[in-house]
Amino acid sequence: MKHSPAVLATLNKVLTAELTSINQYFLHARMNKNWGYAKLNTAAYKKSILDMKQADDLIERILFLEGLPNLQALGKLMIGETPEETLSCDHQFQNNYVTLLNDAITLCEAEQDFVSRTLLVKFLEQEQDYFDWLDTQLGLIQSLSLPKYLQAQLD
């Protein structure tokens, strides 16, 4: 099924964001594991796995639309050097990604590609959940203090 070049280009932009986030969250997970923050490791690791599944869904959709998934493109990784910085970098990434998804959903509506739109809406819900979780973590750091917050992240 051929489809709009604009939709295919946008789905590839979303794929690039997914591929970028897989790497960023996986590295942040392992950094937190190395520092001993098991709960932060688990959250970031699960997010990287979710993003792999989302990337897989995008690849299948792009192929169905007779496009070529671009797996060579990777955005700039925002890597923190402390647990608080990893959360801040991920928060910034999620904020940008939610904006990209909203724009992609709008385009799919305009192009009347409701299947791609439905897929992206599902992604948006998952990404907003993680964005809210990150927002909560950063708020907890402010209200508890960093040392108390980090103590709560130990296993």
N, C-alpha and C. Protein backbone atom coordinates (compact mmCIF):
# COMPACT_ATOMS: atom_id res chain seq x y z
N MET A 1 0.85 -1.18 0.00
CA MET A 1 0.00 0.00 0.00
C MET A 1 0.89 1.24 0.00
N LYS A 2 0.88 1.97 -1.07
CA LYS A 2 1.65 3.22 -1.12
C LYS A 2 0.96 4.27 -0.28
N HIS A 3 1.76 5.18 0.22
CA HIS A 3 1.16 6.23 1.03
C HIS A 3 1.89 7.54 0.83
N SER A 4 1.42 8.51 1.51
CA SER A 4 1.94 9.87 1.41
C SER A 4 3.43 9.93 1.76
N PRO A 5 4.23 10.58 0.90
CA PRO A 5 5.65 10.75 1.24
C PRO A 5 5.84 11.55 2.54
N ALA A 6 4.92 12.46 2.81
CA ALA A 6 5.03 13.24 4.05
C ALA A 6 4.82 12.36 5.28
N VAL A 7 3.88 11.44 5.19
CA VAL A 7 3.64 10.52 6.32
C VAL A 7 4.84 9.61 6.50
N LEU A 8 5.36 9.08 5.41
CA LEU A 8 6.54 8.21 5.51
C LEU A 8 7.73 8.96 6.11
N ALA A 9 7.95 10.18 5.69
CA ALA A 9 9.06 10.97 6.24
C ALA A 9 8.85 11.21 7.73
N THR A 10 7.62 11.49 8.12
CA THR A 10 7.33 11.74 9.53
C THR A 10 7.48 10.46 10.36
N LEU A 11 7.01 9.34 9.82
CA LEU A 11 7.18 8.07 10.55
C LEU A 11 8.66 7.76 10.72
N ASN A 12 9.48 8.10 9.74
CA ASN A 12 10.93 7.89 9.88
C ASN A 12 11.53 8.83 10.92
N LYS A 13 11.00 10.05 11.04
CA LYS A 13 11.47 10.96 12.10
C LYS A 13 11.14 10.38 13.47
N VAL A 14 9.94 9.84 13.59
CA VAL A 14 9.54 9.21 14.85
C VAL A 14 10.43 7.99 15.12
N LEU A 15 10.73 7.23 14.08
CA LEU A 15 11.63 6.07 14.23
C LEU A 15 13.01 6.51 14.70
N THR A 16 13.51 7.59 14.14
CA THR A 16 14.81 8.12 14.58
C THR A 16 14.78 8.47 16.07
N ALA A 17 13.69 9.08 16.51
CA ALA A 17 13.56 9.42 17.94
C ALA A 17 13.53 8.15 18.78
N GLU A 18 12.82 7.13 18.31
CA GLU A 18 12.77 5.87 19.05
C GLU A 18 14.15 5.23 19.15
N LEU A 19 14.85 5.18 18.04
CA LEU A 19 16.19 4.57 18.04
C LEU A 19 17.14 5.35 18.96
N THR A 20 17.00 6.65 18.97
CA THR A 20 17.82 7.49 19.85
C THR A 20 17.49 7.20 21.31
N SER A 21 16.19 7.14 21.61
CA SER A 21 15.79 6.93 23.00
C SER A 21 16.20 5.55 23.52
N ILE A 22 16.15 4.56 22.65
CA ILE A 22 16.60 3.21 23.08
C ILE A 22 18.02 3.30 23.63
N ASN A 23 18.89 3.95 22.90
CA ASN A 23 20.29 4.06 23.31
C ASN A 23 20.45 4.92 24.56
N GLN A 24 19.77 6.05 24.59
CA GLN A 24 19.90 6.95 25.73
C GLN A 24 19.40 6.28 27.01
N TYR A 25 18.21 5.69 26.96
CA TYR A 25 17.65 5.09 28.17
C TYR A 25 18.41 3.84 28.60
N PHE A 26 18.89 3.07 27.62
CA PHE A 26 19.66 1.88 27.98
C PHE A 26 20.96 2.28 28.69
N LEU A 27 21.65 3.28 28.14
CA LEU A 27 22.89 3.73 28.79
C LEU A 27 22.60 4.30 30.17
N HIS A 28 21.55 5.11 30.28
CA HIS A 28 21.21 5.67 31.60
C HIS A 28 20.84 4.55 32.58
N ALA A 29 20.17 3.52 32.10
CA ALA A 29 19.84 2.39 32.97
C ALA A 29 21.11 1.76 33.53
N ARG A 30 22.04 1.48 32.66
CA ARG A 30 23.26 0.81 33.09
C ARG A 30 24.14 1.72 33.95
N MET A 31 24.11 3.02 33.70
CA MET A 31 24.85 3.94 34.55
C MET A 31 24.26 3.91 35.97
N ASN A 32 22.93 3.96 36.05
CA ASN A 32 22.28 3.93 37.35
C ASN A 32 22.51 2.60 38.06
N LYS A 33 22.54 1.52 37.31
CA LYS A 33 22.84 0.21 37.90
C LYS A 33 24.25 0.22 38.48
N ASN A 34 25.19 0.77 37.73
CA ASN A 34 26.58 0.85 38.18
C ASN A 34 26.71 1.69 39.45
N TRP A 35 25.91 2.74 39.56
CA TRP A 35 25.94 3.60 40.74
C TRP A 35 25.19 2.98 41.92
N GLY A 36 24.45 1.90 41.67
CA GLY A 36 23.72 1.23 42.74
C GLY A 36 22.27 1.65 42.88
N TYR A 37 21.75 2.42 41.93
CA TYR A 37 20.37 2.90 42.01
C TYR A 37 19.46 1.97 41.21
N ALA A 38 19.10 0.87 41.85
CA ALA A 38 18.38 -0.21 41.19
C ALA A 38 17.03 0.24 40.63
N LYS A 39 16.32 1.08 41.36
CA LYS A 39 14.99 1.50 40.90
C LYS A 39 15.09 2.38 39.65
N LEU A 40 16.08 3.25 39.60
CA LEU A 40 16.28 4.07 38.40
C LEU A 40 16.72 3.21 37.22
N ASN A 41 17.57 2.22 37.51
CA ASN A 41 18.00 1.28 36.48
C ASN A 41 16.80 0.57 35.88
N THR A 42 15.93 0.04 36.73
CA THR A 42 14.77 -0.72 36.26
C THR A 42 13.85 0.14 35.41
N ALA A 43 13.58 1.36 35.85
CA ALA A 43 12.67 2.24 35.10
C ALA A 43 13.25 2.57 33.72
N ALA A 44 14.51 2.94 33.65
CA ALA A 44 15.12 3.31 32.37
C ALA A 44 15.27 2.09 31.47
N TYR A 45 15.59 0.95 32.05
CA TYR A 45 15.73 -0.28 31.25
C TYR A 45 14.39 -0.67 30.62
N LYS A 46 13.32 -0.65 31.43
CA LYS A 46 11.99 -0.98 30.92
C LYS A 46 11.58 -0.01 29.81
N LYS A 47 11.95 1.26 29.97
CA LYS A 47 11.63 2.25 28.94
C LYS A 47 12.38 1.95 27.66
N SER A 48 13.64 1.55 27.74
CA SER A 48 14.39 1.23 26.53
C SER A 48 13.78 0.03 25.81
N ILE A 49 13.28 -0.95 26.56
CA ILE A 49 12.63 -2.12 25.96
C ILE A 49 11.32 -1.70 25.30
N LEU A 50 10.54 -0.86 25.96
CA LEU A 50 9.30 -0.36 25.37
C LEU A 50 9.60 0.36 24.05
N ASP A 51 10.66 1.16 24.04
CA ASP A 51 11.03 1.89 22.83
C ASP A 51 11.47 0.95 21.71
N MET A 52 12.08 -0.17 22.06
CA MET A 52 12.42 -1.17 21.04
C MET A 52 11.16 -1.73 20.40
N LYS A 53 10.16 -1.99 21.21
CA LYS A 53 8.89 -2.49 20.69
C LYS A 53 8.20 -1.45 19.83
N GLN A 54 8.27 -0.19 20.25
CA GLN A 54 7.67 0.88 19.45
C GLN A 54 8.41 1.01 18.12
N ALA A 55 9.72 0.92 18.14
CA ALA A 55 10.51 0.99 16.90
C ALA A 55 10.12 -0.16 15.97
N ASP A 56 9.93 -1.34 16.53
CA ASP A 56 9.52 -2.49 15.73
C ASP A 56 8.17 -2.23 15.06
N ASP A 57 7.22 -1.68 15.81
CA ASP A 57 5.90 -1.36 15.25
C ASP A 57 6.02 -0.33 14.13
N LEU A 58 6.89 0.65 14.32
CA LEU A 58 7.10 1.67 13.28
C LEU A 58 7.71 1.06 12.02
N ILE A 59 8.70 0.21 12.21
CA ILE A 59 9.34 -0.44 11.05
C ILE A 59 8.31 -1.22 10.25
N GLU A 60 7.47 -1.98 10.95
CA GLU A 60 6.44 -2.74 10.25
C GLU A 60 5.47 -1.83 9.51
N ARG A 61 5.09 -0.73 10.13
CA ARG A 61 4.15 0.21 9.49
C ARG A 61 4.78 0.85 8.26
N ILE A 62 6.01 1.29 8.37
CA ILE A 62 6.69 1.92 7.23
C ILE A 62 6.82 0.93 6.09
N LEU A 63 7.19 -0.30 6.39
CA LEU A 63 7.30 -1.32 5.34
C LEU A 63 5.94 -1.60 4.70
N PHE A 64 4.89 -1.65 5.51
CA PHE A 64 3.55 -1.87 4.97
C PHE A 64 3.17 -0.77 3.99
N LEU A 65 3.60 0.46 4.29
CA LEU A 65 3.29 1.60 3.42
C LEU A 65 4.26 1.69 2.24
N GLU A 66 5.06 0.64 2.07
CA GLU A 66 6.04 0.54 0.99
C GLU A 66 7.12 1.62 1.07
N GLY A 67 7.45 1.97 2.30
CA GLY A 67 8.55 2.89 2.54
C GLY A 67 9.76 2.11 3.01
N LEU A 68 10.84 2.81 3.19
CA LEU A 68 12.08 2.20 3.67
C LEU A 68 12.41 2.78 5.04
N PRO A 69 12.34 1.95 6.08
CA PRO A 69 12.69 2.45 7.42
C PRO A 69 14.16 2.85 7.47
N ASN A 70 14.41 4.03 7.99
CA ASN A 70 15.79 4.51 8.09
C ASN A 70 16.32 4.17 9.48
N LEU A 71 17.11 3.11 9.52
CA LEU A 71 17.70 2.69 10.78
C LEU A 71 19.11 3.25 10.96
N GLN A 72 19.55 4.03 10.00
CA GLN A 72 20.90 4.61 10.07
C GLN A 72 20.91 5.96 10.78
N ALA A 73 19.76 6.60 10.84
CA ALA A 73 19.68 7.91 11.47
C ALA A 73 19.57 7.75 12.99
N LEU A 74 20.32 8.54 13.69
CA LEU A 74 20.26 8.54 15.15
C LEU A 74 20.43 9.98 15.61
N GLY A 75 19.53 10.43 16.47
CA GLY A 75 19.63 11.78 17.00
C GLY A 75 20.74 11.88 18.03
N LYS A 76 20.96 13.09 18.49
CA LYS A 76 21.99 13.33 19.50
C LYS A 76 21.52 12.77 20.84
N LEU A 77 22.37 11.96 21.43
CA LEU A 77 22.07 11.43 22.76
C LEU A 77 22.36 12.51 23.80
N MET A 78 21.46 12.63 24.75
CA MET A 78 21.65 13.55 25.88
C MET A 78 21.96 12.69 27.09
N ILE A 79 23.24 12.60 27.41
CA ILE A 79 23.68 11.70 28.48
C ILE A 79 24.07 12.51 29.71
N GLY A 80 23.44 12.15 30.82
CA GLY A 80 23.78 12.80 32.08
C GLY A 80 25.00 12.15 32.72
N GLU A 81 25.62 12.87 33.62
CA GLU A 81 26.80 12.33 34.31
C GLU A 81 26.52 12.02 35.78
N THR A 82 25.32 12.33 36.22
CA THR A 82 24.88 12.03 37.58
C THR A 82 23.44 11.50 37.48
N PRO A 83 22.93 10.87 38.51
CA PRO A 83 21.54 10.41 38.44
C PRO A 83 20.55 11.54 38.15
N GLU A 84 20.75 12.67 38.79
CA GLU A 84 19.84 13.81 38.55
C GLU A 84 19.95 14.30 37.11
N GLU A 85 21.15 14.34 36.58
CA GLU A 85 21.32 14.77 35.18
C GLU A 85 20.70 13.77 34.22
N THR A 86 20.78 12.47 34.52
CA THR A 86 20.16 11.49 33.61
C THR A 86 18.65 11.72 33.56
N LEU A 87 18.05 11.98 34.70
CA LEU A 87 16.62 12.26 34.74
C LEU A 87 16.28 13.54 33.98
N SER A 88 17.09 14.58 34.16
CA SER A 88 16.86 15.85 33.46
C SER A 88 17.00 15.69 31.95
N CYS A 89 18.02 14.96 31.52
CA CYS A 89 18.22 14.73 30.08
C CYS A 89 17.05 13.94 29.50
N ASP A 90 16.61 12.93 30.22
CA ASP A 90 15.49 12.12 29.75
C ASP A 90 14.20 12.95 29.71
N HIS A 91 14.03 13.81 30.70
CA HIS A 91 12.85 14.70 30.75
C HIS A 91 12.85 15.63 29.53
N GLN A 92 14.00 16.20 29.22
CA GLN A 92 14.10 17.09 28.05
C GLN A 92 13.82 16.31 26.77
N PHE A 93 14.38 15.11 26.66
CA PHE A 93 14.15 14.28 25.47
C PHE A 93 12.66 13.96 25.33
N GLN A 94 12.03 13.55 26.42
CA GLN A 94 10.62 13.20 26.37
C GLN A 94 9.76 14.40 25.97
N ASN A 95 10.10 15.57 26.48
CA ASN A 95 9.35 16.77 26.13
C ASN A 95 9.41 17.01 24.63
N ASN A 96 10.60 16.90 24.05
CA ASN A 96 10.76 17.09 22.60
C ASN A 96 10.03 15.99 21.83
N TYR A 97 10.09 14.78 22.33
CA TYR A 97 9.47 13.65 21.63
C TYR A 97 7.95 13.76 21.64
N VAL A 98 7.38 14.19 22.74
CA VAL A 98 5.93 14.37 22.81
C VAL A 98 5.49 15.41 21.78
N THR A 99 6.25 16.46 21.63
CA THR A 99 5.94 17.48 20.61
C THR A 99 6.00 16.88 19.21
N LEU A 100 7.04 16.09 18.93
CA LEU A 100 7.16 15.42 17.63
C LEU A 100 5.96 14.51 17.37
N LEU A 101 5.57 13.74 18.37
CA LEU A 101 4.42 12.85 18.21
C LEU A 101 3.13 13.61 17.94
N ASN A 102 2.92 14.70 18.66
CA ASN A 102 1.73 15.51 18.42
C ASN A 102 1.70 16.04 16.99
N ASP A 103 2.85 16.51 16.49
CA ASP A 103 2.94 16.99 15.11
C ASP A 103 2.68 15.86 14.12
N ALA A 104 3.22 14.68 14.40
CA ALA A 104 3.04 13.53 13.51
C ALA A 104 1.57 13.09 13.49
N ILE A 105 0.92 13.13 14.63
CA ILE A 105 -0.50 12.77 14.70
C ILE A 105 -1.33 13.75 13.87
N THR A 106 -1.02 15.03 13.99
CA THR A 106 -1.72 16.05 13.21
C THR A 106 -1.55 15.81 11.72
N LEU A 107 -0.34 15.49 11.29
CA LEU A 107 -0.09 15.22 9.88
C LEU A 107 -0.86 13.98 9.41
N CYS A 108 -0.84 12.92 10.20
CA CYS A 108 -1.57 11.71 9.81
C CYS A 108 -3.07 11.98 9.68
N GLU A 109 -3.61 12.82 10.55
CA GLU A 109 -5.02 13.20 10.43
C GLU A 109 -5.25 13.95 9.12
N ALA A 110 -4.39 14.91 8.82
CA ALA A 110 -4.53 15.70 7.59
C ALA A 110 -4.43 14.82 6.35
N GLU A 111 -3.57 13.81 6.41
CA GLU A 111 -3.37 12.89 5.28
C GLU A 111 -4.34 11.72 5.29
N GLN A 112 -5.23 11.71 6.29
CA GLN A 112 -6.23 10.66 6.46
C GLN A 112 -5.63 9.26 6.58
N ASP A 113 -4.50 9.18 7.25
CA ASP A 113 -3.88 7.89 7.57
C ASP A 113 -4.20 7.60 9.03
N PHE A 114 -5.38 7.04 9.23
CA PHE A 114 -5.87 6.84 10.59
C PHE A 114 -5.24 5.64 11.29
N VAL A 115 -4.70 4.71 10.53
CA VAL A 115 -4.00 3.58 11.14
C VAL A 115 -2.68 4.07 11.76
N SER A 116 -1.93 4.85 11.00
CA SER A 116 -0.68 5.41 11.55
C SER A 116 -0.99 6.33 12.72
N ARG A 117 -2.06 7.10 12.58
CA ARG A 117 -2.46 8.01 13.66
C ARG A 117 -2.75 7.22 14.93
N THR A 118 -3.48 6.12 14.82
CA THR A 118 -3.81 5.30 15.98
C THR A 118 -2.55 4.75 16.65
N LEU A 119 -1.61 4.31 15.83
CA LEU A 119 -0.34 3.81 16.36
C LEU A 119 0.40 4.91 17.12
N LEU A 120 0.44 6.09 16.54
CA LEU A 120 1.15 7.21 17.18
C LEU A 120 0.45 7.70 18.44
N VAL A 121 -0.88 7.64 18.46
CA VAL A 121 -1.62 8.01 19.67
C VAL A 121 -1.28 7.05 20.81
N LYS A 122 -1.16 5.76 20.48
CA LYS A 122 -0.76 4.77 21.50
C LYS A 122 0.64 5.12 22.03
N PHE A 123 1.55 5.44 21.13
CA PHE A 123 2.89 5.85 21.55
C PHE A 123 2.83 7.08 22.45
N LEU A 124 2.02 8.06 22.04
CA LEU A 124 1.91 9.31 22.79
C LEU A 124 1.46 9.05 24.22
N GLU A 125 0.48 8.17 24.40
CA GLU A 125 0.01 7.84 25.75
C GLU A 125 1.14 7.24 26.58
N GLN A 126 1.91 6.34 25.98
CA GLN A 126 3.02 5.70 26.70
C GLN A 126 4.12 6.72 27.02
N GLU A 127 4.40 7.59 26.07
CA GLU A 127 5.45 8.59 26.28
C GLU A 127 5.04 9.63 27.32
N GLN A 128 3.77 10.01 27.32
CA GLN A 128 3.30 10.96 28.32
C GLN A 128 3.35 10.35 29.72
N ASP A 129 3.07 9.05 29.82
CA ASP A 129 3.19 8.38 31.12
C ASP A 129 4.62 8.46 31.64
N TYR A 130 5.58 8.20 30.75
CA TYR A 130 6.98 8.24 31.19
C TYR A 130 7.41 9.68 31.49
N PHE A 131 6.94 10.62 30.70
CA PHE A 131 7.24 12.03 30.95
C PHE A 131 6.71 12.43 32.33
N ASP A 132 5.49 12.01 32.66
CA ASP A 132 4.93 12.32 33.98
C ASP A 132 5.75 11.67 35.09
N TRP A 133 6.22 10.43 34.86
CA TRP A 133 7.05 9.76 35.86
C TRP A 133 8.35 10.55 36.08
N LEU A 134 8.97 10.98 34.98
CA LEU A 134 10.20 11.77 35.09
C LEU A 134 9.94 13.08 35.82
N ASP A 135 8.83 13.71 35.49
CA ASP A 135 8.46 14.97 36.14
C ASP A 135 8.30 14.76 37.65
N THR A 136 7.69 13.65 38.02
CA THR A 136 7.52 13.32 39.44
C THR A 136 8.87 13.10 40.11
N GLN A 137 9.78 12.39 39.45
CA GLN A 137 11.10 12.13 40.04
C GLN A 137 11.85 13.43 40.29
N LEU A 138 11.81 14.32 39.30
CA LEU A 138 12.50 15.61 39.46
C LEU A 138 11.85 16.44 40.57
N GLY A 139 10.53 16.33 40.70
CA GLY A 139 9.84 17.01 41.79
C GLY A 139 10.21 16.43 43.14
N LEU A 140 10.35 15.12 43.20
CA LEU A 140 10.76 14.48 44.46
C LEU A 140 12.16 14.91 44.87
N ILE A 141 13.04 15.06 43.91
CA ILE A 141 14.40 15.53 44.22
C ILE A 141 14.32 16.91 44.87
N GLN A 142 13.46 17.76 44.34
CA GLN A 142 13.32 19.12 44.89
C GLN A 142 12.71 19.10 46.28
N SER A 143 11.70 18.24 46.47
CA SER A 143 11.02 18.27 47.77
C SER A 143 11.73 17.46 48.86
N LEU A 144 12.40 16.37 48.48
CA LEU A 144 13.06 15.53 49.48
C LEU A 144 14.52 15.90 49.73
N SER A 145 15.17 16.44 48.73
CA SER A 145 16.60 16.68 48.62
C SER A 145 17.21 15.50 47.87
N LEU A 146 18.27 15.78 47.15
CA LEU A 146 18.90 14.75 46.33
C LEU A 146 19.38 13.54 47.15
N PRO A 147 20.08 13.72 48.27
CA PRO A 147 20.54 12.54 49.01
C PRO A 147 19.41 11.62 49.47
N LYS A 148 18.31 12.20 49.96
CA LYS A 148 17.18 11.37 50.42
C LYS A 148 16.51 10.68 49.23
N TYR A 149 16.39 11.40 48.13
CA TYR A 149 15.79 10.79 46.93
C TYR A 149 16.64 9.59 46.46
N LEU A 150 17.94 9.80 46.39
CA LEU A 150 18.82 8.72 45.91
C LEU A 150 18.80 7.53 46.86
N GLN A 151 18.70 7.79 48.16
CA GLN A 151 18.62 6.70 49.11
C GLN A 151 17.38 5.84 48.83
N ALA A 152 16.29 6.48 48.42
CA ALA A 152 15.06 5.75 48.12
C ALA A 152 15.18 4.93 46.83
N GLN A 153 16.18 5.22 46.01
CA GLN A 153 16.36 4.52 44.73
C GLN A 153 17.24 3.28 44.87
N LEU A 154 17.80 3.07 46.04
CA LEU A 154 18.61 1.87 46.27
C LEU A 154 17.69 0.68 46.35
N ASP A 155 18.24 -0.50 46.05
CA ASP A 155 17.43 -1.72 46.10
C ASP A 155 17.35 -2.22 47.52
